[in-house]
Amino acid sequence: MIPIEVEEPRDVQIFDRPQEDVEPADDASDAAGAEEAESSEEAPAPEPAAPDADQLRAQLSLSEDFRSDFVHGEKGPEHQKYIVLHDTEGDSNASSVIDWWDSNGNYVAAHFVVNKDGTIVQCAPLDTIVHHAGYGDTGHNELYGVEDESRDDMRGTQPIGDWAADYGMNSYSIGIEMVHVGGSGDYPQAQLEALDGLIAYIDAYYGFESEIIDHKAWRTGNSDTSPEFTDYLASYQQSRVHG
């Protein structure tokens, strides 16, 4: 038999292997994943666009009755500053009021007349000067930032005294007459809602909001608008609707 040599056992040293560095999670990847998850959610529907001037005009019960004698010059958007509210101080409807203006030889009118039933008649284009405000208190041209100028032909004007020598408001404003007699009671809801819509249309037409005043603000002693319109006027000046 061949003798078998048995090796003496050896001490074996075991060395720990260094652990591999583990890269931290990529924050950018996490963010991208979150964005992808969010984008998969349904996006909210966009809000409908506000109606434009043509759409707002189409919503009005409005007809045109233009008279050449009512126009006293051009008034482009750069000269539009005010909407002046008036009462007709009579119960006649818009058509009768317009016929009276055209026949009396004073060349006075407004751009619009609003009937009690909410129908509206337009008497002149928006971009024209109409003699609806007349003379105002001396000093009011400066107060309201308007001026008498050559754009207004001044046809038919009759001075009423040194105390009221300013005429600039007519060249910088839109005039709106409401069929109403002061002291006769409240304004019908249909008339007020029509005025709401008309003001919204004018704002959209010009692309900005004109300041709203009434006739008596321009000239001391005017009766319009009436006392029963006081709260409505304040609401129009604050929120551009009657209430």
Protein backbone atom coordinates (compact mmCIF):
# COMPACT_ATOMS: atom_id res chain seq x y z
CA MET A 1 0.00 0.00 0.00
CA ILE A 2 1.22 3.32 -0.79
CA PRO A 3 1.23 5.43 2.24
CA ILE A 4 -0.99 8.56 2.00
CA GLU A 5 0.37 11.76 3.32
CA VAL A 6 -2.09 13.81 5.17
CA GLU A 7 -1.49 17.55 5.13
CA GLU A 8 -1.57 19.32 8.33
CA PRO A 9 -4.54 21.76 8.44
CA ARG A 10 -3.62 25.36 7.74
CA ASP A 11 -4.93 28.45 9.25
CA VAL A 12 -6.95 30.18 6.59
CA GLN A 13 -7.44 33.91 6.91
CA ILE A 14 -10.77 35.23 5.64
CA PHE A 15 -10.74 38.81 4.55
CA ASP A 16 -13.99 40.75 4.46
CA ARG A 17 -14.66 42.16 0.99
CA PRO A 18 -15.38 45.85 0.98
CA GLN A 19 -19.04 46.64 0.27
CA GLU A 20 -19.72 48.37 -3.01
CA ASP A 21 -20.96 51.90 -2.76
CA VAL A 22 -24.69 52.10 -3.49
CA GLU A 23 -25.73 55.11 -5.52
CA PRO A 24 -28.58 57.10 -3.89
CA ALA A 25 -31.89 57.28 -5.76
CA ASP A 26 -31.99 59.97 -8.40
CA ASP A 27 -34.26 62.79 -7.17
CA ALA A 28 -34.74 63.95 -10.74
CA SER A 29 -36.06 60.55 -11.74
CA ASP A 30 -38.49 60.60 -8.85
CA ALA A 31 -39.67 64.07 -9.82
CA ALA A 32 -40.08 63.02 -13.44
CA GLY A 33 -42.14 60.08 -12.33
CA ALA A 34 -44.33 62.30 -10.19
CA GLU A 35 -44.84 64.72 -13.06
CA GLU A 36 -45.74 61.84 -15.35
CA ALA A 37 -48.28 60.63 -12.81
CA GLU A 38 -49.74 64.10 -12.49
CA SER A 39 -49.93 64.55 -16.24
CA SER A 40 -51.86 61.33 -16.49
CA GLU A 41 -54.59 62.89 -14.38
CA GLU A 42 -57.32 64.63 -16.32
CA ALA A 43 -56.61 68.37 -16.78
CA PRO A 44 -59.41 70.77 -15.76
CA ALA A 45 -61.51 72.12 -18.61
CA PRO A 46 -60.58 75.69 -19.63
CA GLU A 47 -63.01 78.44 -18.67
CA PRO A 48 -65.18 79.66 -21.55
CA ALA A 49 -64.04 82.88 -23.17
CA ALA A 50 -65.90 86.05 -22.28
CA PRO A 51 -68.35 87.15 -24.98
CA ASP A 52 -67.01 89.77 -27.37
CA ALA A 53 -68.68 93.04 -28.33
CA ASP A 54 -70.58 91.55 -31.27
CA GLN A 55 -71.97 88.76 -29.11
CA LEU A 56 -73.01 91.16 -26.36
CA ARG A 57 -74.70 93.45 -28.89
CA ALA A 58 -76.59 90.48 -30.35
CA GLN A 59 -78.00 89.74 -26.89
CA LEU A 60 -79.61 93.18 -26.70
CA SER A 61 -83.05 93.98 -28.04
CA LEU A 62 -81.55 96.84 -30.02
CA SER A 63 -82.52 98.66 -33.19
CA GLU A 64 -80.91 101.58 -35.00
CA ASP A 65 -82.45 104.90 -35.96
CA PHE A 66 -79.49 107.06 -36.98
CA ARG A 67 -80.17 110.71 -37.76
CA SER A 68 -77.45 112.79 -39.43
CA ASP A 69 -78.34 115.94 -37.46
CA PHE A 70 -77.42 114.18 -34.22
CA VAL A 71 -73.74 113.80 -35.14
CA HIS A 72 -71.34 116.66 -34.36
CA GLY A 73 -67.92 115.15 -35.05
CA GLU A 74 -65.74 112.08 -34.66
CA LYS A 75 -64.92 110.50 -31.31
CA GLY A 76 -62.35 107.71 -31.57
CA PRO A 77 -61.51 105.33 -28.70
CA GLU A 78 -58.69 107.60 -27.55
CA HIS A 79 -61.30 110.24 -26.69
CA GLN A 80 -63.84 107.97 -24.97
CA LYS A 81 -63.85 108.47 -21.17
CA TYR A 82 -67.39 108.55 -19.78
CA ILE A 83 -70.85 107.01 -19.95
CA VAL A 84 -73.40 109.65 -18.98
CA LEU A 85 -76.82 108.44 -17.81
CA HIS A 86 -79.96 110.53 -18.32
CA ASP A 87 -83.73 110.39 -17.80
CA THR A 88 -85.98 111.53 -20.63
CA GLU A 89 -88.33 113.19 -18.10
CA GLY A 90 -91.26 111.91 -20.12
CA ASP A 91 -93.20 108.69 -20.67
CA SER A 92 -92.99 108.71 -24.46
CA ASN A 93 -91.20 105.73 -25.96
CA ALA A 94 -87.80 105.92 -27.62
CA SER A 95 -89.14 106.41 -31.15
CA SER A 96 -91.22 109.41 -30.08
CA VAL A 97 -88.30 110.90 -28.14
CA ILE A 98 -86.02 110.58 -31.17
CA ASP A 99 -88.58 112.17 -33.49
CA TRP A 100 -88.91 115.08 -31.06
CA TRP A 101 -85.14 115.58 -30.93
CA ASP A 102 -84.95 115.54 -34.70
CA SER A 103 -87.77 118.04 -35.18
CA ASN A 104 -87.00 120.71 -32.59
CA GLY A 105 -83.94 122.17 -34.33
CA ASN A 106 -81.66 121.98 -31.28
CA TYR A 107 -79.46 119.18 -32.68
CA VAL A 108 -79.56 117.50 -29.28
CA ALA A 109 -79.78 113.73 -28.79
CA ALA A 110 -78.12 110.77 -27.05
CA HIS A 111 -76.42 107.71 -28.45
CA PHE A 112 -79.06 105.36 -26.98
CA VAL A 113 -82.57 105.45 -25.55
CA VAL A 114 -83.66 102.58 -23.28
CA ASN A 115 -87.39 101.89 -23.12
CA LYS A 116 -89.16 100.65 -20.01
CA ASP A 117 -89.67 97.24 -21.62
CA GLY A 118 -85.92 96.82 -22.15
CA THR A 119 -85.85 97.55 -25.86
CA ILE A 120 -83.12 99.96 -26.96
CA VAL A 121 -82.83 102.33 -29.89
CA GLN A 122 -79.39 103.55 -30.99
CA CYS A 123 -79.46 107.06 -32.46
CA ALA A 124 -75.81 107.56 -33.50
CA PRO A 125 -72.64 105.46 -33.90
CA LEU A 126 -70.51 105.04 -30.79
CA ASP A 127 -67.50 106.78 -32.34
CA THR A 128 -69.32 110.07 -32.88
CA ILE A 129 -69.92 113.20 -30.82
CA VAL A 130 -73.54 113.72 -29.78
CA HIS A 131 -74.85 116.73 -27.86
CA HIS A 132 -76.40 114.93 -24.89
CA ALA A 133 -74.57 116.53 -21.95
CA GLY A 134 -74.82 120.17 -23.01
CA TYR A 135 -72.99 122.82 -21.04
CA GLY A 136 -71.47 121.93 -17.67
CA ASP A 137 -70.38 123.93 -14.65
CA THR A 138 -67.46 126.23 -15.36
CA GLY A 139 -64.38 124.33 -14.22
CA HIS A 140 -65.82 120.90 -14.97
CA ASN A 141 -63.74 120.49 -18.12
CA GLU A 142 -60.68 120.52 -15.89
CA LEU A 143 -62.36 118.44 -13.18
CA TYR A 144 -63.29 115.66 -15.59
CA GLY A 145 -60.20 115.88 -17.79
CA VAL A 146 -62.03 116.95 -20.96
CA GLU A 147 -61.83 120.01 -23.18
CA ASP A 148 -63.73 121.99 -25.78
CA GLU A 149 -62.05 121.38 -29.10
CA SER A 150 -62.45 121.56 -32.84
CA ARG A 151 -63.72 117.98 -33.19
CA ASP A 152 -67.11 119.26 -32.02
CA ASP A 153 -68.84 121.49 -34.58
CA MET A 154 -70.89 123.08 -31.74
CA ARG A 155 -73.86 123.33 -34.09
CA GLY A 156 -77.05 124.35 -32.30
CA THR A 157 -75.38 125.22 -29.01
CA GLN A 158 -76.76 128.09 -26.95
CA PRO A 159 -74.64 129.36 -24.00
CA ILE A 160 -76.58 129.45 -20.75
CA GLY A 161 -74.35 131.69 -18.62
CA ASP A 162 -70.87 132.22 -17.30
CA TRP A 163 -71.52 129.76 -14.48
CA ALA A 164 -71.85 126.90 -17.00
CA ALA A 165 -69.36 127.60 -19.79
CA ASP A 166 -67.75 124.17 -20.29
CA TYR A 167 -68.83 121.92 -23.17
CA GLY A 168 -66.13 119.24 -23.29
CA MET A 169 -68.09 116.28 -21.91
CA ASN A 170 -69.94 115.80 -25.20
CA SER A 171 -66.67 115.06 -27.03
CA TYR A 172 -65.55 112.39 -24.54
CA SER A 173 -68.63 110.39 -23.68
CA ILE A 174 -71.52 108.13 -24.60
CA GLY A 175 -74.99 109.38 -23.67
CA ILE A 176 -77.74 106.96 -22.59
CA GLU A 177 -81.30 108.15 -21.97
CA MET A 178 -83.74 106.05 -19.95
CA VAL A 179 -87.46 106.60 -20.47
CA HIS A 180 -88.42 107.80 -17.00
CA VAL A 181 -90.07 110.68 -15.16
CA GLY A 182 -88.47 111.56 -11.84
CA GLY A 183 -90.76 110.79 -8.89
CA SER A 184 -92.92 108.38 -10.88
CA GLY A 185 -91.66 105.25 -9.13
CA ASP A 186 -89.01 102.63 -9.62
CA TYR A 187 -87.31 101.73 -12.89
CA PRO A 188 -88.66 98.47 -14.36
CA GLN A 189 -86.42 95.43 -14.02
CA ALA A 190 -86.40 94.92 -17.78
CA GLN A 191 -85.09 98.45 -18.30
CA LEU A 192 -82.33 98.04 -15.72
CA GLU A 193 -81.25 94.68 -17.13
CA ALA A 194 -81.13 96.21 -20.60
CA LEU A 195 -78.92 98.99 -19.24
CA ASP A 196 -76.65 96.36 -17.65
CA GLY A 197 -76.23 94.68 -21.02
CA LEU A 198 -75.73 97.95 -22.88
CA ILE A 199 -72.93 99.04 -20.55
CA ALA A 200 -71.26 95.62 -20.92
CA TYR A 201 -71.45 96.00 -24.70
CA ILE A 202 -69.90 99.50 -24.62
CA ASP A 203 -67.09 98.25 -22.37
CA ALA A 204 -66.37 95.35 -24.73
CA TYR A 205 -66.55 97.58 -27.80
CA TYR A 206 -63.83 99.90 -26.50
CA GLY A 207 -61.86 97.28 -24.59
CA PHE A 208 -61.89 99.30 -21.36
CA GLU A 209 -64.36 100.59 -18.78
CA SER A 210 -65.53 104.17 -19.10
CA GLU A 211 -66.37 106.04 -15.91
CA ILE A 212 -70.12 106.17 -15.25
CA ILE A 213 -71.73 109.43 -14.14
CA ASP A 214 -75.17 110.97 -14.44
CA HIS A 215 -76.17 114.24 -16.07
CA LYS A 216 -76.49 116.24 -12.88
CA ALA A 217 -72.86 115.48 -12.01
CA TRP A 218 -71.87 117.44 -15.11
CA ARG A 219 -74.16 120.41 -14.53
CA THR A 220 -75.57 121.63 -11.24
CA GLY A 221 -79.35 121.86 -11.28
CA ASN A 222 -80.03 119.02 -13.72
CA SER A 223 -82.75 116.70 -12.48
CA ASP A 224 -81.44 113.53 -14.06
CA THR A 225 -80.92 110.96 -12.98
CA SER A 226 -83.81 110.91 -10.52
CA PRO A 227 -83.60 110.35 -6.75
CA GLU A 228 -85.01 106.85 -7.21
CA PHE A 229 -81.96 106.00 -9.33
CA THR A 230 -79.47 106.93 -6.58
CA ASP A 231 -78.76 103.40 -5.35
CA TYR A 232 -78.64 102.04 -8.89
CA LEU A 233 -76.12 104.71 -9.90
CA ALA A 234 -73.88 103.79 -6.97
CA SER A 235 -74.08 100.13 -7.97
CA TYR A 236 -73.25 100.90 -11.61
CA GLN A 237 -70.25 102.93 -10.54
CA GLN A 238 -69.03 100.14 -8.28
CA SER A 239 -69.91 96.96 -10.19
CA ARG A 240 -71.30 98.12 -13.58
CA VAL A 241 -74.67 96.44 -13.00
CA HIS A 242 -77.77 97.77 -11.27
CA GLY A 243 -77.53 95.51 -8.24
